[in-house]
C-alpha atoms as a PDB file:
ATOM      1  CA  MET A   1     -20.158 -15.509 -10.732  1.00  0.00           C
ATOM      2  CA  ASN A   2     -23.709 -15.890  -9.328  1.00  0.00           C
ATOM      3  CA  ASN A   3     -22.831 -19.210  -7.694  1.00  0.00           C
ATOM      4  CA  THR A   4     -19.746 -17.610  -6.089  1.00  0.00           C
ATOM      5  CA  ILE A   5     -21.849 -14.728  -4.768  1.00  0.00           C
ATOM      6  CA  LYS A   6     -24.340 -17.163  -3.204  1.00  0.00           C
ATOM      7  CA  LYS A   7     -21.510 -18.953  -1.420  1.00  0.00           C
ATOM      8  CA  LEU A   8     -20.071 -15.636  -0.245  1.00  0.00           C
ATOM      9  CA  GLN A   9     -23.450 -14.500   1.109  1.00  0.00           C
ATOM     10  CA  ALA A  10     -23.428 -17.576   3.365  1.00  0.00           C
ATOM     11  CA  VAL A  11     -20.228 -16.420   5.111  1.00  0.00           C
ATOM     12  CA  MET A  12     -20.345 -12.596   4.986  1.00  0.00           C
ATOM     13  CA  ALA A  13     -22.886  -9.756   5.061  1.00  0.00           C
ATOM     14  CA  ALA A  14     -24.414  -8.850   1.690  1.00  0.00           C
ATOM     15  CA  GLU A  15     -23.449  -5.166   2.046  1.00  0.00           C
ATOM     16  CA  ASN A  16     -19.774  -6.209   2.058  1.00  0.00           C
ATOM     17  CA  ILE A  17     -20.122  -7.879  -1.359  1.00  0.00           C
ATOM     18  CA  LYS A  18     -20.150  -5.362  -4.216  1.00  0.00           C
ATOM     19  CA  GLU A  19     -20.431  -6.085  -7.930  1.00  0.00           C
ATOM     20  CA  ASN A  20     -18.902  -3.795 -10.573  1.00  0.00           C
ATOM     21  CA  GLU A  21     -17.403  -1.594  -7.868  1.00  0.00           C
ATOM     22  CA  PRO A  22     -15.548   1.513  -9.204  1.00  0.00           C
ATOM     23  CA  MET A  23     -11.979   1.227  -7.968  1.00  0.00           C
ATOM     24  CA  LYS A  24     -11.486   5.008  -8.168  1.00  0.00           C
ATOM     25  CA  ASN A  25     -13.406   5.034  -4.860  1.00  0.00           C
ATOM     26  CA  HIS A  26     -10.780   2.835  -3.205  1.00  0.00           C
ATOM     27  CA  THR A  27      -7.403   4.156  -4.396  1.00  0.00           C
ATOM     28  CA  SER A  28      -5.510   7.262  -3.300  1.00  0.00           C
ATOM     29  CA  PHE A  29      -4.969   8.248  -6.959  1.00  0.00           C
ATOM     30  CA  LYS A  30      -8.789   8.373  -7.376  1.00  0.00           C
ATOM     31  CA  VAL A  31      -8.664   6.482 -10.682  1.00  0.00           C
ATOM     32  CA  GLY A  32      -9.660   3.032 -11.857  1.00  0.00           C
ATOM     33  CA  GLY A  33     -12.500   1.164 -13.522  1.00  0.00           C
ATOM     34  CA  PRO A  34     -14.797  -1.406 -11.892  1.00  0.00           C
ATOM     35  CA  ALA A  35     -13.821  -4.671 -10.232  1.00  0.00           C
ATOM     36  CA  ASP A  36     -16.170  -7.510 -11.114  1.00  0.00           C
ATOM     37  CA  LEU A  37     -16.441  -8.336  -7.424  1.00  0.00           C
ATOM     38  CA  PHE A  38     -15.202  -6.296  -4.445  1.00  0.00           C
ATOM     39  CA  LEU A  39     -15.243  -7.986  -1.032  1.00  0.00           C
ATOM     40  CA  MET A  40     -14.756  -6.517   2.433  1.00  0.00           C
ATOM     41  CA  PRO A  41     -14.344  -9.296   5.023  1.00  0.00           C
ATOM     42  CA  GLN A  42     -14.647  -8.104   8.615  1.00  0.00           C
ATOM     43  CA  THR A  43     -12.648 -10.726  10.545  1.00  0.00           C
ATOM     44  CA  ARG A  44      -9.751 -13.122  10.010  1.00  0.00           C
ATOM     45  CA  GLU A  45     -12.170 -16.066  10.064  1.00  0.00           C
ATOM     46  CA  GLU A  46     -14.344 -14.400   7.444  1.00  0.00           C
ATOM     47  CA  LEU A  47     -11.273 -13.700   5.328  1.00  0.00           C
ATOM     48  CA  GLN A  48     -10.235 -17.362   5.466  1.00  0.00           C
ATOM     49  CA  ALA A  49     -13.709 -18.494   4.385  1.00  0.00           C
ATOM     50  CA  VAL A  50     -13.833 -15.893   1.604  1.00  0.00           C
ATOM     51  CA  LEU A  51     -10.403 -16.903   0.293  1.00  0.00           C
ATOM     52  CA  GLU A  52     -11.509 -20.538   0.057  1.00  0.00           C
ATOM     53  CA  ILE A  53     -14.596 -19.578  -1.970  1.00  0.00           C
ATOM     54  CA  CYS A  54     -12.585 -17.274  -4.228  1.00  0.00           C
ATOM     55  CA  LYS A  55     -10.047 -20.026  -4.844  1.00  0.00           C
ATOM     56  CA  GLU A  56     -12.828 -22.431  -5.847  1.00  0.00           C
ATOM     57  CA  SER A  57     -14.217 -19.848  -8.279  1.00  0.00           C
ATOM     58  CA  GLY A  58     -11.037 -19.891 -10.364  1.00  0.00           C
ATOM     59  CA  LYS A  59     -11.283 -16.113 -10.837  1.00  0.00           C
ATOM     60  CA  SER A  60      -8.285 -13.772 -10.715  1.00  0.00           C
ATOM     61  CA  LEU A  61      -7.781 -12.462  -7.191  1.00  0.00           C
ATOM     62  CA  TYR A  62      -6.046  -9.393  -5.760  1.00  0.00           C
ATOM     63  CA  ILE A  63      -5.703  -8.467  -2.075  1.00  0.00           C
ATOM     64  CA  MET A  64      -5.557  -4.757  -1.252  1.00  0.00           C
ATOM     65  CA  GLY A  65      -5.474  -2.548   1.829  1.00  0.00           C
ATOM     66  CA  ASN A  66      -5.639   1.234   1.728  1.00  0.00           C
ATOM     67  CA  GLY A  67      -5.130   1.496  -2.046  1.00  0.00           C
ATOM     68  CA  SER A  68      -2.420   4.097  -1.479  1.00  0.00           C
ATOM     69  CA  ASN A  69       0.161   2.390  -3.700  1.00  0.00           C
ATOM     70  CA  LEU A  70      -2.192   1.060  -6.365  1.00  0.00           C
ATOM     71  CA  ILE A  71      -3.319   2.025  -9.858  1.00  0.00           C
ATOM     72  CA  VAL A  72      -6.253   0.111 -11.331  1.00  0.00           C
ATOM     73  CA  ARG A  73      -6.514   0.560 -15.096  1.00  0.00           C
ATOM     74  CA  ASP A  74      -9.543   2.352 -16.553  1.00  0.00           C
ATOM     75  CA  LYS A  75     -11.213  -0.828 -17.834  1.00  0.00           C
ATOM     76  CA  GLY A  76     -11.175  -2.230 -14.317  1.00  0.00           C
ATOM     77  CA  TYR A  77     -10.308  -5.635 -12.938  1.00  0.00           C
ATOM     78  CA  ARG A  78     -11.823  -8.835 -14.330  1.00  0.00           C
ATOM     79  CA  GLY A  79     -11.900 -10.858 -11.172  1.00  0.00           C
ATOM     80  CA  ILE A  80     -12.206 -10.443  -7.418  1.00  0.00           C
ATOM     81  CA  ILE A  81     -10.575  -7.808  -5.210  1.00  0.00           C
ATOM     82  CA  ILE A  82     -10.525  -8.379  -1.457  1.00  0.00           C
ATOM     83  CA  ASN A  83     -10.116  -5.280   0.710  1.00  0.00           C
ATOM     84  CA  THR A  84      -8.688  -5.937   4.189  1.00  0.00           C
ATOM     85  CA  LYS A  85      -9.260  -2.449   5.684  1.00  0.00           C
ATOM     86  CA  ALA A  86     -11.758  -3.806   8.223  1.00  0.00           C
ATOM     87  CA  LEU A  87      -9.071  -6.056   9.722  1.00  0.00           C
ATOM     88  CA  ASN A  88      -7.597  -3.256  11.821  1.00  0.00           C
ATOM     89  CA  GLN A  89      -7.347  -4.510  15.415  1.00  0.00           C
ATOM     90  CA  VAL A  90      -4.260  -3.969  17.588  1.00  0.00           C
ATOM     91  CA  ALA A  91      -3.200  -5.552  20.871  1.00  0.00           C
ATOM     92  CA  THR A  92      -0.346  -4.407  23.120  1.00  0.00           C
ATOM     93  CA  VAL A  93       1.807  -6.922  24.996  1.00  0.00           C
ATOM     94  CA  GLY A  94       4.583  -5.117  26.854  1.00  0.00           C
ATOM     95  CA  GLU A  95       6.765  -3.481  24.219  1.00  0.00           C
ATOM     96  CA  THR A  96       5.130  -5.476  21.413  1.00  0.00           C
ATOM     97  CA  LEU A  97       2.223  -4.472  19.180  1.00  0.00           C
ATOM     98  CA  ILE A  98       0.274  -7.266  17.481  1.00  0.00           C
ATOM     99  CA  ALA A  99      -1.689  -5.684  14.638  1.00  0.00           C
ATOM    100  CA  GLU A 100      -3.928  -6.720  11.763  1.00  0.00           C
ATOM    101  CA  PRO A 101      -2.970  -5.634   8.227  1.00  0.00           C
ATOM    102  CA  GLY A 102      -5.844  -3.245   7.542  1.00  0.00           C
ATOM    103  CA  ILE A 103      -4.895  -0.631  10.125  1.00  0.00           C
ATOM    104  CA  SER A 104      -3.402   2.541   8.663  1.00  0.00           C
ATOM    105  CA  LEU A 105       0.180   3.357   9.594  1.00  0.00           C
ATOM    106  CA  LYS A 106      -1.008   6.699  10.950  1.00  0.00           C
ATOM    107  CA  ASP A 107      -3.465   4.998  13.334  1.00  0.00           C
ATOM    108  CA  LEU A 108      -0.896   2.380  14.325  1.00  0.00           C
ATOM    109  CA  ALA A 109       1.698   5.082  15.086  1.00  0.00           C
ATOM    110  CA  ASN A 110      -0.873   6.830  17.274  1.00  0.00           C
ATOM    111  CA  VAL A 111      -1.496   3.584  19.162  1.00  0.00           C
ATOM    112  CA  ALA A 112       2.256   3.306  19.770  1.00  0.00           C
ATOM    113  CA  LEU A 113       2.320   6.943  20.952  1.00  0.00           C
ATOM    114  CA  ASN A 114      -0.547   6.327  23.380  1.00  0.00           C
ATOM    115  CA  GLU A 115       1.283   3.272  24.735  1.00  0.00           C
ATOM    116  CA  LYS A 116       4.516   5.336  25.049  1.00  0.00           C
ATOM    117  CA  LEU A 117       6.308   3.020  22.602  1.00  0.00           C
ATOM    118  CA  THR A 118       9.010   4.313  20.261  1.00  0.00           C
ATOM    119  CA  GLY A 119      10.215   2.942  16.915  1.00  0.00           C
ATOM    120  CA  LEU A 120       7.223   3.597  14.657  1.00  0.00           C
ATOM    121  CA  GLU A 121       7.500   7.377  14.374  1.00  0.00           C
ATOM    122  CA  PHE A 122       8.992   7.211  10.862  1.00  0.00           C
ATOM    123  CA  ALA A 123       5.821   5.524   9.574  1.00  0.00           C
ATOM    124  CA  SER A 124       3.280   7.948  11.019  1.00  0.00           C
ATOM    125  CA  GLY A 125       3.002   9.942   7.800  1.00  0.00           C
ATOM    126  CA  ILE A 126       3.212   7.103   5.261  1.00  0.00           C
ATOM    127  CA  PRO A 127      -0.256   7.008   3.637  1.00  0.00           C
ATOM    128  CA  GLY A 128      -0.828   3.285   3.622  1.00  0.00           C
ATOM    129  CA  SER A 129      -1.969   0.265   5.569  1.00  0.00           C
ATOM    130  CA  LEU A 130       0.267  -1.962   7.668  1.00  0.00           C
ATOM    131  CA  GLY A 131      -0.225  -4.828   5.215  1.00  0.00           C
ATOM    132  CA  GLY A 132       1.027  -2.826   2.268  1.00  0.00           C
ATOM    133  CA  ALA A 133       3.904  -1.427   4.319  1.00  0.00           C
ATOM    134  CA  VAL A 134       5.091  -4.902   5.326  1.00  0.00           C
ATOM    135  CA  THR A 135       4.694  -6.291   1.790  1.00  0.00           C
ATOM    136  CA  MET A 136       6.740  -3.409   0.325  1.00  0.00           C
ATOM    137  CA  ASN A 137       9.062  -3.033   3.359  1.00  0.00           C
ATOM    138  CA  ALA A 138       8.073   0.622   3.443  1.00  0.00           C
ATOM    139  CA  GLY A 139      10.511   3.147   4.806  1.00  0.00           C
ATOM    140  CA  ALA A 140      10.898   6.873   5.355  1.00  0.00           C
ATOM    141  CA  TYR A 141      13.458   9.177   6.941  1.00  0.00           C
ATOM    142  CA  ASP A 142      15.347   7.102   9.520  1.00  0.00           C
ATOM    143  CA  GLY A 143      13.213   3.957   9.561  1.00  0.00           C
ATOM    144  CA  GLU A 144      12.164   0.846   7.675  1.00  0.00           C
ATOM    145  CA  MET A 145       9.514  -1.757   8.505  1.00  0.00           C
ATOM    146  CA  LYS A 146      12.050  -4.601   8.628  1.00  0.00           C
ATOM    147  CA  HIS A 147      13.765  -2.983  11.618  1.00  0.00           C
ATOM    148  CA  ILE A 148      10.699  -3.277  13.859  1.00  0.00           C
ATOM    149  CA  ILE A 149       9.082  -6.566  12.789  1.00  0.00           C
ATOM    150  CA  ASN A 150       9.368  -9.668  14.971  1.00  0.00           C
ATOM    151  CA  SER A 151       7.221 -11.926  12.810  1.00  0.00           C
ATOM    152  CA  ILE A 152       4.299 -12.052  10.395  1.00  0.00           C
ATOM    153  CA  THR A 153       1.369 -14.471  10.227  1.00  0.00           C
ATOM    154  CA  VAL A 154      -0.131 -15.393   6.868  1.00  0.00           C
ATOM    155  CA  ILE A 155      -2.804 -17.572   5.328  1.00  0.00           C
ATOM    156  CA  THR A 156      -0.938 -19.876   2.941  1.00  0.00           C
ATOM    157  CA  GLU A 157      -2.101 -21.271  -0.419  1.00  0.00           C
ATOM    158  CA  ASP A 158      -3.743 -24.263   1.291  1.00  0.00           C
ATOM    159  CA  GLY A 159      -5.702 -22.054   3.716  1.00  0.00           C
ATOM    160  CA  SER A 160      -3.613 -22.775   6.810  1.00  0.00           C
ATOM    161  CA  LEU A 161      -2.004 -20.198   9.099  1.00  0.00           C
ATOM    162  CA  LYS A 162       1.779 -19.845   9.157  1.00  0.00           C
ATOM    163  CA  THR A 163       3.939 -17.579  11.333  1.00  0.00           C
ATOM    164  CA  ILE A 164       7.233 -16.469   9.791  1.00  0.00           C
ATOM    165  CA  PRO A 165      10.075 -14.863  11.805  1.00  0.00           C
ATOM    166  CA  ALA A 166      11.377 -11.573  10.422  1.00  0.00           C
ATOM    167  CA  ASP A 167      14.848 -12.962   9.674  1.00  0.00           C
ATOM    168  CA  VAL A 168      13.423 -15.250   6.978  1.00  0.00           C
ATOM    169  CA  CYS A 169      11.017 -12.657   5.512  1.00  0.00           C
ATOM    170  CA  ASP A 170      13.629 -11.678   2.898  1.00  0.00           C
ATOM    171  CA  PHE A 171      13.158  -7.951   3.461  1.00  0.00           C
ATOM    172  CA  GLY A 172      14.970  -5.757   0.957  1.00  0.00           C
ATOM    173  CA  TYR A 173      14.490  -2.338  -0.615  1.00  0.00           C
ATOM    174  CA  ARG A 174      10.714  -2.203  -1.205  1.00  0.00           C
ATOM    175  CA  SER A 175      10.543  -6.000  -1.197  1.00  0.00           C
ATOM    176  CA  SER A 176       9.686  -8.947   1.025  1.00  0.00           C
ATOM    177  CA  ILE A 177       8.813 -12.629   0.972  1.00  0.00           C
ATOM    178  CA  LEU A 178       5.147 -11.630   0.595  1.00  0.00           C
ATOM    179  CA  GLN A 179       5.861 -10.620  -3.014  1.00  0.00           C
ATOM    180  CA  GLN A 180       7.119 -14.141  -3.748  1.00  0.00           C
ATOM    181  CA  HIS A 181       4.088 -16.185  -2.629  1.00  0.00           C
ATOM    182  CA  ASN A 182       0.306 -16.149  -2.874  1.00  0.00           C
ATOM    183  CA  TRP A 183       0.009 -15.658   0.866  1.00  0.00           C
ATOM    184  CA  VAL A 184      -2.391 -13.301   2.625  1.00  0.00           C
ATOM    185  CA  LEU A 185      -1.075 -11.357   5.608  1.00  0.00           C
ATOM    186  CA  VAL A 186      -3.332 -11.472   8.680  1.00  0.00           C
ATOM    187  CA  SER A 187      -1.120 -10.321  11.568  1.00  0.00           C
ATOM    188  CA  VAL A 188       2.172  -8.545  12.270  1.00  0.00           C
ATOM    189  CA  GLU A 189       4.138  -8.564  15.518  1.00  0.00           C
ATOM    190  CA  LEU A 190       6.074  -5.329  15.966  1.00  0.00           C
ATOM    191  CA  ALA A 191       8.973  -4.978  18.402  1.00  0.00           C
ATOM    192  CA  LEU A 192       9.075  -1.452  19.828  1.00  0.00           C
ATOM    193  CA  LYS A 193      10.743   0.102  22.887  1.00  0.00           C
ATOM    194  CA  ASN A 194       9.432   2.021  25.875  1.00  0.00           C
ATOM    195  CA  GLY A 195       9.982   5.726  25.313  1.00  0.00           C
ATOM    196  CA  ASP A 196       9.064   9.216  26.377  1.00  0.00           C
ATOM    197  CA  GLU A 197       5.607  10.203  25.134  1.00  0.00           C
ATOM    198  CA  GLN A 198       6.530  13.853  24.539  1.00  0.00           C
ATOM    199  CA  ALA A 199       9.683  12.915  22.617  1.00  0.00           C
ATOM    200  CA  ILE A 200       7.731  10.440  20.482  1.00  0.00           C
ATOM    201  CA  ALA A 201       5.037  13.033  19.723  1.00  0.00           C
ATOM    202  CA  ALA A 202       7.651  15.677  18.905  1.00  0.00           C
ATOM    203  CA  LYS A 203       9.432  13.382  16.465  1.00  0.00           C
ATOM    204  CA  MET A 204       6.162  12.440  14.737  1.00  0.00           C
ATOM    205  CA  LEU A 205       5.251  16.117  14.402  1.00  0.00           C
ATOM    206  CA  ASN A 206       8.678  17.003  13.037  1.00  0.00           C
ATOM    207  CA  LEU A 207       8.667  14.249  10.398  1.00  0.00           C
ATOM    208  CA  ASN A 208       5.080  14.990   9.345  1.00  0.00           C
ATOM    209  CA  THR A 209       5.830  18.725   9.072  1.00  0.00           C
ATOM    210  CA  GLN A 210       8.798  17.902   6.804  1.00  0.00           C
ATOM    211  CA  ARG A 211       6.535  15.707   4.695  1.00  0.00           C
ATOM    212  CA  GLN A 212       3.847  18.393   4.360  1.00  0.00           C
ATOM    213  CA  THR A 213       6.449  21.014   3.420  1.00  0.00           C
ATOM    214  CA  LYS A 214       8.183  18.935   0.759  1.00  0.00           C
ATOM    215  CA  GLN A 215       5.440  16.727  -0.688  1.00  0.00           C
ATOM    216  CA  PRO A 216       2.251  17.532  -2.687  1.00  0.00           C
ATOM    217  CA  LEU A 217      -0.133  16.031  -0.132  1.00  0.00           C
ATOM    218  CA  GLU A 218      -2.961  18.299  -1.315  1.00  0.00           C
ATOM    219  CA  TYR A 219      -3.380  16.242  -4.519  1.00  0.00           C
ATOM    220  CA  PRO A 220      -4.344  12.584  -5.053  1.00  0.00           C
ATOM    221  CA  SER A 221      -1.228  10.484  -5.640  1.00  0.00           C
ATOM    222  CA  ALA A 222       0.375   7.207  -4.613  1.00  0.00           C
ATOM    223  CA  GLY A 223       3.246   8.846  -2.763  1.00  0.00           C
ATOM    224  CA  SER A 224       6.678   8.439  -4.327  1.00  0.00           C
ATOM    225  CA  THR A 225       6.059   7.148  -7.845  1.00  0.00           C
ATOM    226  CA  PHE A 226       9.501   5.662  -8.477  1.00  0.00           C
ATOM    227  CA  ARG A 227      11.914   3.482  -6.578  1.00  0.00           C
ATOM    228  CA  ARG A 228      15.269   5.044  -5.774  1.00  0.00           C
ATOM    229  CA  PRO A 229      17.888   3.861  -8.301  1.00  0.00           C
ATOM    230  CA  VAL A 230      21.244   2.920  -6.817  1.00  0.00           C
ATOM    231  CA  GLY A 231      23.410   6.028  -6.631  1.00  0.00           C
ATOM    232  CA  TYR A 232      20.641   8.460  -7.588  1.00  0.00           C
ATOM    233  CA  TYR A 233      17.519  10.188  -6.302  1.00  0.00           C
ATOM    234  CA  ALA A 234      14.469   9.509  -8.471  1.00  0.00           C
ATOM    235  CA  GLY A 235      12.985  12.991  -8.027  1.00  0.00           C
ATOM    236  CA  LYS A 236      16.233  14.693  -9.082  1.00  0.00           C
ATOM    237  CA  LEU A 237      16.522  12.492 -12.181  1.00  0.00           C
ATOM    238  CA  VAL A 238      12.938  13.341 -13.174  1.00  0.00           C
ATOM    239  CA  GLN A 239      13.552  17.060 -12.625  1.00  0.00           C
ATOM    240  CA  ASP A 240      16.925  17.091 -14.411  1.00  0.00           C
ATOM    241  CA  ALA A 241      15.342  15.285 -17.369  1.00  0.00           C
ATOM    242  CA  GLY A 242      12.987  18.272 -17.711  1.00  0.00           C
ATOM    243  CA  PHE A 243       9.772  16.751 -16.395  1.00  0.00           C
ATOM    244  CA  LYS A 244       9.020  19.022 -13.424  1.00  0.00           C
ATOM    245  CA  GLY A 245       5.422  20.225 -13.941  1.00  0.00           C
ATOM    246  CA  TYR A 246       5.032  18.125 -17.117  1.00  0.00           C
ATOM    247  CA  ALA A 247       1.457  16.916 -17.644  1.00  0.00           C
ATOM    248  CA  ILE A 248      -0.504  14.426 -19.725  1.00  0.00           C
ATOM    249  CA  GLY A 249      -4.243  14.920 -19.389  1.00  0.00           C
ATOM    250  CA  GLY A 250      -5.055  15.331 -15.707  1.00  0.00           C
ATOM    251  CA  ALA A 251      -1.809  13.703 -14.557  1.00  0.00           C
ATOM    252  CA  GLN A 252       1.164  15.899 -13.714  1.00  0.00           C
ATOM    253  CA  VAL A 253       4.659  15.686 -12.285  1.00  0.00           C
ATOM    254  CA  SER A 254       4.373  17.697  -9.079  1.00  0.00           C
ATOM    255  CA  GLU A 255       5.997  21.119  -9.153  1.00  0.00           C
ATOM    256  CA  LYS A 256       6.657  20.718  -5.428  1.00  0.00           C
ATOM    257  CA  HIS A 257       8.467  17.362  -5.657  1.00  0.00           C
ATOM    258  CA  SER A 258       9.368  15.788  -8.996  1.00  0.00           C
ATOM    259  CA  GLY A 259       9.338  12.292  -7.496  1.00  0.00           C
ATOM    260  CA  PHE A 260       5.535  12.490  -7.300  1.00  0.00           C
ATOM    261  CA  VAL A 261       3.063  12.028 -10.137  1.00  0.00           C
ATOM    262  CA  ILE A 262      -0.232  13.592  -9.045  1.00  0.00           C
ATOM    263  CA  ASN A 263      -3.839  13.641 -10.185  1.00  0.00           C
ATOM    264  CA  LYS A 264      -4.144  17.396 -10.795  1.00  0.00           C
ATOM    265  CA  GLY A 265      -7.847  16.922 -11.564  1.00  0.00           C
ATOM    266  CA  GLY A 266      -9.822  14.545 -13.755  1.00  0.00           C
ATOM    267  CA  ALA A 267      -6.902  12.242 -14.529  1.00  0.00           C
ATOM    268  CA  THR A 268      -7.514   8.767 -15.866  1.00  0.00           C
ATOM    269  CA  ALA A 269      -5.348   5.764 -15.070  1.00  0.00           C
ATOM    270  CA  ALA A 270      -4.158   5.951 -18.693  1.00  0.00           C
ATOM    271  CA  ASP A 271      -3.032   9.569 -18.184  1.00  0.00           C
ATOM    272  CA  ILE A 272      -0.972   8.540 -15.160  1.00  0.00           C
ATOM    273  CA  LEU A 273       0.526   5.467 -16.822  1.00  0.00           C
ATOM    274  CA  ASN A 274       1.331   7.375 -20.016  1.00  0.00           C
ATOM    275  CA  LEU A 275       3.057  10.066 -17.961  1.00  0.00           C
ATOM    276  CA  ILE A 276       5.044   7.461 -16.030  1.00  0.00           C
ATOM    277  CA  GLY A 277       6.071   5.848 -19.326  1.00  0.00           C
ATOM    278  CA  ALA A 278       7.162   9.201 -20.784  1.00  0.00           C
ATOM    279  CA  ILE A 279       9.257   9.949 -17.680  1.00  0.00           C
ATOM    280  CA  GLN A 280      10.898   6.501 -17.765  1.00  0.00           C
ATOM    281  CA  ALA A 281      11.777   6.918 -21.456  1.00  0.00           C
ATOM    282  CA  GLY A 282      13.116  10.461 -20.931  1.00  0.00           C
ATOM    283  CA  VAL A 283      15.274   9.538 -17.936  1.00  0.00           C
ATOM    284  CA  LYS A 284      16.603   6.457 -19.736  1.00  0.00           C
ATOM    285  CA  GLU A 285      17.499   8.524 -22.808  1.00  0.00           C
ATOM    286  CA  LYS A 286      19.201  11.330 -20.883  1.00  0.00           C
ATOM    287  CA  PHE A 287      20.914   9.436 -18.050  1.00  0.00           C
ATOM    288  CA  GLY A 288      20.806   5.749 -19.039  1.00  0.00           C
ATOM    289  CA  VAL A 289      18.957   4.932 -15.818  1.00  0.00           C
ATOM    290  CA  ASP A 290      15.970   2.573 -15.655  1.00  0.00           C
ATOM    291  CA  LEU A 291      13.373   4.064 -13.307  1.00  0.00           C
ATOM    292  CA  LYS A 292      11.215   1.377 -11.741  1.00  0.00           C
ATOM    293  CA  THR A 293       7.878   2.250 -10.144  1.00  0.00           C
ATOM    294  CA  GLU A 294       6.945   1.804  -6.515  1.00  0.00           C
ATOM    295  CA  VAL A 295       3.321   1.868  -7.633  1.00  0.00           C
ATOM    296  CA  ILE A 296       1.558  -1.433  -8.344  1.00  0.00           C
ATOM    297  CA  VAL A 297      -0.582  -1.573 -11.508  1.00  0.00           C
ATOM    298  CA  ILE A 298      -3.431  -4.046 -11.972  1.00  0.00           C
ATOM    299  CA  GLY A 299      -6.405  -4.404 -14.276  1.00  0.00           C
ATOM    300  CA  ASN A 300      -7.280  -4.777 -17.929  1.00  0.00           C
ATOM    301  CA  GLU A 301      -5.651  -2.842 -20.752  1.00  0.00           C
END
């Protein structure tokens, strides 16, 4: 790894290269052991150079944004994690926003508000980065990312840039073409509409008030833990299977919303994963439904 670090120091600042970095400091669940190497490139050009070096190293590689949909296991990640949070620039061209993947959805929605552009209100309370939201085709209330994307630009496996129109991005429920390839998202073009600033602000406030009322935002979590099974609501299944308030270690099914597993205090990644496994087994036994997670799990057992 020393040779890789030397190469990285030639293309990025030393303070943005961290060894044995605790991933609990970079995930919304506040759990996770150390990554062997944690990199924070500051520009697209830096990211391209870093990716080339990481590829040459042969080490396992994971790209993350806000860490709001991620669990890193307690033994950490044997390889390299690249964090794209610093890539957070936005440009406005008429009714179009061109944004980098590291910007939070909250900040991006506020940019749209300031530009009097409507269409992104639904995303203003989703606790993630644009990159994660596009990869997962995030949605809430009356909106979904696929409805407002014109195109995405990625770095492909060979290091070149490729722009992909939305209609071939294979967007589905919590899925996209980005889950099918080892591409790295660097830019998203969003198609919004001119709107009334007060109406946009009022809608954002209304949706965020609903979220605060119904969801356990006061505790570390990764948002909705489970995907919605066809014909059911995940939270209702969890509650009806008797898991409301159920806890393993510091992990608990929220008493406010059973679709959320929370870190009540001092939880480990193992606590959370064991609780998720218990819920999945209980729901399967009682209702015959396979609950799949929205949360992504990486790291060593």
